[in-house]
Amino acid sequence: MSSTESIPTGTAALGLWSSLALRFVGRHRRRSLAAGLFILIGCSLLVLIHAIAVGVNDAMVINTTALHHGDAYADNVADPIALARELEANPAVAAALPRRRLTALGVGDGGSTSLALYQVDPEREQRHSAIPRRIIKGHYPETANQLLLGSAAAEALGVNIGDELALLLADGSRLDGLTVSGLFHIHIEQFDAHTAYMPLADKTRGVGELALFFAERGHEAPAPLRPWHELRPDLVQLIEMNQVSVGLVMLFVFILVGFGIANLFVLTTLERFREFGILKAMGVTPSELQLMVFLESLLIGLLATAAGLLLGWAMAELLALRGIDFSAMTSSNRYFVMSGMVH
């Protein structure tokens, strides 16, 4: 373009400066690549950090709900077995676990301890509950006279696999000749020291309960059940705190990357004074120079952001398939009782 030619205006000018910006991006490859890498790495890290945070929150919910209450829970149910059949007719429901809770005093050779005794459906519990996955000795109860005990309760009672014990129920009755079929340990005192499970033989005695598991999350709990977030406010607060913490980390990463990119653009702009001087000598105004630099930065930013989001998504998908094993750091964590894998 000679100094005597007029510079287009309006839409034609925008097209011209966009074309020049694209040409300058290709001409200054090192600068463009350095700026693009800053943006690409920053975007991919933000996506990955957010994905890991979501995975940790989901893992805590899955592990905690599997421990006892499920995705929704009902207490004081008159007929939990009938309610379970009714709820499992809904295709959104993966399983409904009927239970009956009894308060008992366990009496063994070595002592006694108070127990919350749950009469359960062994088949359903082993498929969906976390407790069967934390059995350290023996097996889940199969017959009406077998009992699964927490490890601390067994120690207090002085019993082990194959030993017999008696249970004194709150209504004054007594269950004799119960055999310990298995011991579990989940690092939660309420369960390890004061909980026992046996098959649901007596369908009328005890307080009826029901734990509901949905095939997919996001469904509303049907009456009379209560959703997990009403039952576990501690977990809700932990998830909220985790979200705030991750949000602050993402903000700091964004600010750090932003300052790095801004500094790089300023330095490279200062190095181009000779180039800008030639353009001004050709009749380019300062506002047009600013537009061209802006379009260069926008073009690099859009391309690098798209690449960064794609890379971050690919890494998140890889971690979703393979998972991150936090078992060594969560073996005693009540929010990871079933599995330390985070997807």
Protein backbone atom coordinates (compact mmCIF):
# COMPACT_ATOMS: atom_id res chain seq x y z
CA MET A 1 0.00 0.00 0.00
CA SER A 2 1.55 3.33 -1.05
CA SER A 3 1.25 6.53 1.00
CA THR A 4 -0.92 8.07 -1.70
CA GLU A 5 -3.55 5.29 -1.62
CA SER A 6 -6.52 5.74 0.67
CA ILE A 7 -7.03 3.29 3.48
CA PRO A 8 -10.40 1.53 3.43
CA THR A 9 -12.94 2.29 6.12
CA GLY A 10 -15.83 0.44 7.74
CA THR A 11 -16.23 -3.25 7.02
CA ALA A 12 -13.54 -3.20 4.36
CA ALA A 13 -11.08 -1.74 6.89
CA LEU A 14 -11.89 -4.45 9.41
CA GLY A 15 -11.25 -7.10 6.77
CA LEU A 16 -7.98 -5.44 5.81
CA TRP A 17 -6.69 -5.20 9.37
CA SER A 18 -7.80 -8.74 10.12
CA SER A 19 -5.85 -9.94 7.09
CA LEU A 20 -2.79 -7.95 8.18
CA ALA A 21 -3.13 -9.26 11.76
CA LEU A 22 -3.19 -12.84 10.49
CA ARG A 23 -0.12 -12.12 8.36
CA PHE A 24 1.79 -10.60 11.30
CA VAL A 25 0.86 -13.58 13.52
CA GLY A 26 2.46 -15.88 10.95
CA ARG A 27 5.45 -13.60 10.54
CA HIS A 28 6.20 -13.41 14.30
CA ARG A 29 5.98 -17.14 14.90
CA ARG A 30 8.04 -17.28 18.08
CA ARG A 31 6.04 -14.53 19.77
CA SER A 32 2.76 -16.01 18.63
CA LEU A 33 3.78 -19.50 19.75
CA ALA A 34 4.96 -18.28 23.17
CA ALA A 35 1.76 -16.33 23.81
CA GLY A 36 -0.36 -19.18 22.52
CA LEU A 37 1.38 -21.70 24.79
CA PHE A 38 0.73 -19.47 27.82
CA ILE A 39 -2.97 -19.40 27.01
CA LEU A 40 -3.17 -23.08 26.02
CA ILE A 41 -1.51 -24.30 29.22
CA GLY A 42 -3.60 -21.97 31.38
CA CYS A 43 -6.91 -23.05 29.81
CA SER A 44 -6.08 -26.76 29.94
CA LEU A 45 -5.05 -26.47 33.60
CA LEU A 46 -8.27 -24.66 34.50
CA VAL A 47 -10.34 -27.37 32.81
CA LEU A 48 -8.33 -30.15 34.49
CA ILE A 49 -8.49 -28.58 37.97
CA HIS A 50 -12.25 -28.17 37.66
CA ALA A 51 -12.67 -31.74 36.39
CA ILE A 52 -10.66 -33.21 39.28
CA ALA A 53 -12.69 -31.16 41.79
CA VAL A 54 -15.94 -32.42 40.30
CA GLY A 55 -14.58 -35.99 40.41
CA VAL A 56 -13.61 -35.68 44.09
CA ASN A 57 -17.05 -34.29 44.99
CA ASP A 58 -18.81 -37.07 43.06
CA ALA A 59 -16.63 -39.74 44.69
CA MET A 60 -17.44 -38.43 48.17
CA VAL A 61 -21.17 -38.50 47.41
CA ILE A 62 -21.05 -42.01 45.91
CA ASN A 63 -19.01 -43.41 48.80
CA THR A 64 -21.05 -41.73 51.51
CA THR A 65 -24.46 -42.62 50.10
CA ALA A 66 -23.35 -46.25 49.60
CA LEU A 67 -22.40 -46.52 53.27
CA HIS A 68 -25.96 -46.64 54.62
CA HIS A 69 -28.53 -44.06 53.53
CA GLY A 70 -28.36 -44.38 49.74
CA ASP A 71 -29.44 -41.53 47.47
CA ALA A 72 -32.66 -41.26 49.49
CA TYR A 73 -33.72 -42.74 52.81
CA ALA A 74 -36.85 -43.39 54.85
CA ASP A 75 -37.17 -44.21 58.55
CA ASN A 76 -40.15 -45.60 60.50
CA VAL A 77 -41.52 -47.45 57.46
CA ALA A 78 -44.38 -49.80 58.34
CA ASP A 79 -43.59 -52.33 55.59
CA PRO A 80 -40.16 -51.66 54.00
CA ILE A 81 -40.36 -54.79 51.79
CA ALA A 82 -43.64 -53.70 50.18
CA LEU A 83 -42.31 -50.15 49.75
CA ALA A 84 -39.14 -51.54 48.12
CA ARG A 85 -41.19 -53.50 45.57
CA GLU A 86 -43.26 -50.41 44.77
CA LEU A 87 -40.22 -48.17 44.28
CA GLU A 88 -38.27 -50.69 42.18
CA ALA A 89 -41.10 -50.60 39.63
CA ASN A 90 -39.78 -47.12 38.73
CA PRO A 91 -37.14 -47.43 35.93
CA ALA A 92 -35.17 -44.55 37.49
CA VAL A 93 -34.54 -46.67 40.62
CA ALA A 94 -31.51 -48.99 40.61
CA ALA A 95 -32.34 -50.65 43.93
CA ALA A 96 -34.38 -50.26 47.11
CA LEU A 97 -32.89 -51.88 50.23
CA PRO A 98 -35.43 -52.80 52.92
CA ARG A 99 -34.17 -53.03 56.51
CA ARG A 100 -35.39 -53.40 60.06
CA ARG A 101 -33.42 -51.84 62.91
CA LEU A 102 -33.27 -53.30 66.41
CA THR A 103 -31.49 -51.97 69.48
CA ALA A 104 -29.61 -54.74 71.23
CA LEU A 105 -26.98 -55.56 73.81
CA GLY A 106 -24.45 -58.03 72.50
CA VAL A 107 -23.13 -60.54 75.03
CA GLY A 108 -20.01 -62.55 74.21
CA ASP A 109 -17.32 -64.52 76.04
CA GLY A 110 -15.17 -61.43 76.53
CA GLY A 111 -17.78 -58.80 77.44
CA SER A 112 -20.79 -56.90 76.17
CA THR A 113 -21.53 -53.84 74.03
CA SER A 114 -24.54 -51.96 72.66
CA LEU A 115 -25.40 -52.67 69.02
CA ALA A 116 -27.63 -51.30 66.30
CA LEU A 117 -28.76 -54.56 64.69
CA TYR A 118 -29.94 -54.30 61.08
CA GLN A 119 -31.97 -57.08 59.52
CA VAL A 120 -31.27 -56.78 55.78
CA ASP A 121 -31.66 -58.46 52.41
CA PRO A 122 -28.14 -59.95 51.94
CA GLU A 123 -28.31 -60.10 48.14
CA ARG A 124 -29.35 -56.46 47.72
CA GLU A 125 -26.92 -55.20 50.36
CA GLN A 126 -23.93 -56.94 48.78
CA ARG A 127 -24.71 -55.40 45.39
CA HIS A 128 -25.23 -51.81 46.48
CA SER A 129 -23.96 -51.19 50.04
CA ALA A 130 -20.38 -50.31 50.97
CA ILE A 131 -20.23 -52.46 54.11
CA PRO A 132 -19.80 -55.84 52.29
CA ARG A 133 -16.81 -54.37 50.43
CA ARG A 134 -15.02 -53.70 53.73
CA ILE A 135 -15.22 -57.21 55.19
CA ILE A 136 -11.79 -58.11 56.59
CA LYS A 137 -12.59 -61.64 57.78
CA GLY A 138 -15.21 -64.23 56.88
CA HIS A 139 -18.22 -63.51 54.70
CA TYR A 140 -21.57 -61.73 54.65
CA PRO A 141 -24.37 -63.53 56.61
CA GLU A 142 -26.26 -66.09 54.54
CA THR A 143 -28.58 -67.75 57.06
CA ALA A 144 -30.85 -66.41 59.79
CA ASN A 145 -28.48 -67.35 62.63
CA GLN A 146 -25.39 -65.66 61.15
CA LEU A 147 -24.16 -62.19 62.06
CA LEU A 148 -21.78 -59.63 60.53
CA LEU A 149 -20.02 -57.52 63.17
CA GLY A 150 -17.87 -54.44 63.18
CA SER A 151 -14.26 -55.24 64.11
CA ALA A 152 -14.30 -53.02 67.23
CA ALA A 153 -17.57 -54.59 68.41
CA ALA A 154 -16.09 -58.07 67.99
CA GLU A 155 -13.06 -57.02 70.04
CA ALA A 156 -15.28 -55.63 72.81
CA LEU A 157 -17.30 -58.86 72.85
CA GLY A 158 -14.21 -61.06 72.69
CA VAL A 159 -15.49 -63.02 69.68
CA ASN A 160 -14.10 -63.97 66.28
CA ILE A 161 -15.22 -65.79 63.14
CA GLY A 162 -17.27 -68.87 64.01
CA ASP A 163 -17.87 -67.86 67.64
CA GLU A 164 -21.37 -67.66 69.10
CA LEU A 165 -22.96 -64.78 70.98
CA ALA A 166 -26.35 -63.72 72.33
CA LEU A 167 -28.29 -60.52 71.78
CA LEU A 168 -30.57 -58.99 74.41
CA LEU A 169 -33.15 -56.88 72.56
CA ALA A 170 -34.68 -53.66 73.83
CA ASP A 171 -38.13 -55.28 74.08
CA GLY A 172 -36.79 -57.79 76.62
CA SER A 173 -36.51 -60.77 74.25
CA ARG A 174 -33.29 -62.65 73.56
CA LEU A 175 -31.62 -64.09 70.47
CA ASP A 176 -29.30 -67.00 71.24
CA GLY A 177 -26.99 -69.14 69.16
CA LEU A 178 -25.95 -66.45 66.68
CA THR A 179 -22.70 -67.23 64.86
CA VAL A 180 -20.26 -64.54 63.73
CA SER A 181 -19.85 -65.10 59.97
CA GLY A 182 -17.77 -62.02 59.18
CA LEU A 183 -16.08 -58.88 60.46
CA PHE A 184 -15.92 -55.51 58.71
CA HIS A 185 -13.82 -52.41 59.31
CA ILE A 186 -14.47 -48.96 57.80
CA HIS A 187 -12.71 -46.61 60.28
CA ILE A 188 -16.00 -45.09 61.51
CA GLU A 189 -16.59 -45.81 65.20
CA GLN A 190 -20.39 -45.74 64.93
CA PHE A 191 -20.24 -48.72 62.55
CA ASP A 192 -17.08 -50.54 63.66
CA ALA A 193 -17.99 -50.53 67.36
CA HIS A 194 -21.79 -50.52 67.47
CA THR A 195 -23.29 -52.06 64.30
CA ALA A 196 -24.24 -55.59 63.26
CA TYR A 197 -26.08 -57.09 60.28
CA MET A 198 -28.11 -60.26 59.85
CA PRO A 199 -30.57 -61.59 57.23
CA LEU A 200 -34.11 -60.23 57.34
CA ALA A 201 -35.86 -63.23 58.94
CA ASP A 202 -38.44 -61.51 61.17
CA LYS A 203 -40.33 -59.15 58.86
CA THR A 204 -42.33 -57.46 61.64
CA ARG A 205 -39.92 -56.82 64.50
CA GLY A 206 -37.93 -53.58 64.65
CA VAL A 207 -38.10 -50.14 63.05
CA GLY A 208 -38.56 -50.31 59.28
CA GLU A 209 -36.04 -48.46 57.08
CA LEU A 210 -35.40 -48.18 53.36
CA ALA A 211 -32.35 -46.96 51.40
CA LEU A 212 -32.96 -46.02 47.78
CA PHE A 213 -30.37 -45.94 44.97
CA PHE A 214 -31.09 -44.20 41.67
CA ALA A 215 -29.70 -45.45 38.36
CA GLU A 216 -28.56 -41.87 37.64
CA ARG A 217 -28.18 -38.85 39.88
CA GLY A 218 -30.47 -35.86 39.74
CA HIS A 219 -33.80 -37.55 40.50
CA GLU A 220 -36.03 -36.21 43.25
CA ALA A 221 -36.63 -38.44 46.25
CA PRO A 222 -40.22 -39.77 46.29
CA ALA A 223 -42.28 -39.47 49.46
CA PRO A 224 -41.77 -40.50 52.22
CA LEU A 225 -38.01 -40.66 51.52
CA ARG A 226 -35.57 -37.83 52.20
CA PRO A 227 -32.69 -37.00 49.80
CA TRP A 228 -29.11 -37.61 50.88
CA HIS A 229 -28.22 -33.90 51.13
CA GLU A 230 -30.82 -33.43 53.87
CA LEU A 231 -29.40 -36.36 55.79
CA ARG A 232 -25.72 -35.43 55.38
CA PRO A 233 -25.36 -31.64 55.81
CA ASP A 234 -21.70 -32.20 56.76
CA LEU A 235 -20.98 -33.59 53.30
CA VAL A 236 -22.89 -30.74 51.63
CA GLN A 237 -20.76 -28.19 53.51
CA LEU A 238 -17.56 -30.07 52.63
CA ILE A 239 -18.48 -30.04 48.93
CA GLU A 240 -19.28 -26.32 49.09
CA MET A 241 -15.96 -25.61 50.81
CA ASN A 242 -14.16 -27.69 48.18
CA GLN A 243 -15.88 -25.74 45.39
CA VAL A 244 -14.86 -22.41 46.92
CA SER A 245 -11.26 -23.58 47.42
CA VAL A 246 -10.99 -24.84 43.83
CA GLY A 247 -12.60 -21.64 42.56
CA LEU A 248 -9.92 -19.58 44.33
CA VAL A 249 -7.14 -21.78 42.90
CA MET A 250 -8.61 -21.38 39.40
CA LEU A 251 -8.82 -17.61 39.91
CA PHE A 252 -5.15 -17.44 40.96
CA VAL A 253 -4.12 -19.55 37.96
CA PHE A 254 -6.17 -17.30 35.67
CA ILE A 255 -4.58 -14.12 37.11
CA LEU A 256 -1.06 -15.57 36.93
CA VAL A 257 -1.46 -16.69 33.32
CA GLY A 258 -3.13 -13.39 32.44
CA PHE A 259 -0.21 -11.36 33.81
CA GLY A 260 2.24 -13.57 31.94
CA ILE A 261 0.39 -13.10 28.66
CA ALA A 262 0.04 -9.34 29.16
CA ASN A 263 3.74 -8.99 29.95
CA LEU A 264 4.67 -11.00 26.84
CA PHE A 265 2.46 -8.86 24.58
CA VAL A 266 3.86 -5.62 26.04
CA LEU A 267 7.47 -6.72 25.50
CA THR A 268 6.86 -7.90 21.95
CA THR A 269 4.97 -4.68 21.15
CA LEU A 270 7.91 -2.58 22.34
CA GLU A 271 10.22 -4.61 20.08
CA ARG A 272 8.09 -3.69 17.04
CA PHE A 273 8.54 0.11 17.15
CA ARG A 274 10.43 0.10 13.83
CA GLU A 275 7.63 -1.90 12.20
CA PHE A 276 4.99 0.45 13.61
CA GLY A 277 7.02 3.46 12.47
CA ILE A 278 6.96 2.20 8.87
CA LEU A 279 3.19 1.68 9.07
CA LYS A 280 2.69 5.21 10.43
CA ALA A 281 4.82 6.58 7.61
CA MET A 282 2.41 4.86 5.20
CA GLY A 283 -0.50 6.75 6.75
CA VAL A 284 -1.74 4.29 9.37
CA THR A 285 -3.25 6.12 12.35
CA PRO A 286 -2.55 5.19 16.01
CA SER A 287 -6.14 3.90 16.42
CA GLU A 288 -5.65 1.63 13.40
CA LEU A 289 -2.39 0.34 14.86
CA GLN A 290 -4.21 -0.39 18.11
CA LEU A 291 -6.92 -2.23 16.17
CA MET A 292 -4.35 -4.35 14.37
CA VAL A 293 -2.54 -5.28 17.62
CA PHE A 294 -5.88 -6.05 19.24
CA LEU A 295 -6.88 -8.31 16.33
CA GLU A 296 -3.52 -10.11 16.51
CA SER A 297 -3.99 -10.74 20.24
CA LEU A 298 -7.61 -11.80 19.72
CA LEU A 299 -6.66 -14.24 16.98
CA ILE A 300 -3.89 -15.82 19.08
CA GLY A 301 -6.18 -15.91 22.11
CA LEU A 302 -9.07 -17.59 20.31
CA LEU A 303 -6.90 -20.26 18.67
CA ALA A 304 -4.94 -20.99 21.86
CA THR A 305 -8.09 -21.03 24.02
CA ALA A 306 -9.78 -23.51 21.70
CA ALA A 307 -6.68 -25.71 21.73
CA GLY A 308 -6.40 -25.40 25.54
CA LEU A 309 -10.03 -26.35 26.10
CA LEU A 310 -9.63 -29.32 23.77
CA LEU A 311 -6.44 -30.46 25.54
CA GLY A 312 -8.03 -30.00 28.98
CA TRP A 313 -11.11 -31.95 27.88
CA ALA A 314 -8.91 -34.77 26.52
CA MET A 315 -6.93 -35.00 29.78
CA ALA A 316 -10.15 -34.95 31.82
CA GLU A 317 -11.64 -37.73 29.67
CA LEU A 318 -8.46 -39.78 30.12
CA LEU A 319 -8.64 -39.37 33.90
CA ALA A 320 -12.36 -40.17 33.78
CA LEU A 321 -11.56 -43.51 32.14
CA ARG A 322 -8.44 -44.42 34.12
CA GLY A 323 -9.27 -42.65 37.38
CA ILE A 324 -6.89 -41.32 40.03
CA ASP A 325 -6.23 -43.73 42.89
CA PHE A 326 -6.26 -41.89 46.23
CA SER A 327 -6.66 -45.11 48.25
CA ALA A 328 -3.35 -44.66 50.10
CA MET A 329 -4.51 -41.22 51.30
CA THR A 330 -8.17 -42.06 51.98
CA SER A 331 -8.10 -45.51 53.64
CA SER A 332 -9.30 -43.99 56.95
CA ASN A 333 -11.49 -41.30 55.42
CA ARG A 334 -15.23 -41.70 56.11
CA TYR A 335 -16.05 -40.06 52.76
CA PHE A 336 -14.14 -42.73 50.78
CA VAL A 337 -15.24 -45.91 52.56
CA MET A 338 -16.05 -47.82 49.36
CA SER A 339 -13.28 -46.74 47.00
CA GLY A 340 -10.43 -44.24 46.81
CA MET A 341 -10.72 -43.99 43.01
CA VAL A 342 -11.66 -40.56 41.65
CA HIS A 343 -12.95 -40.25 38.07
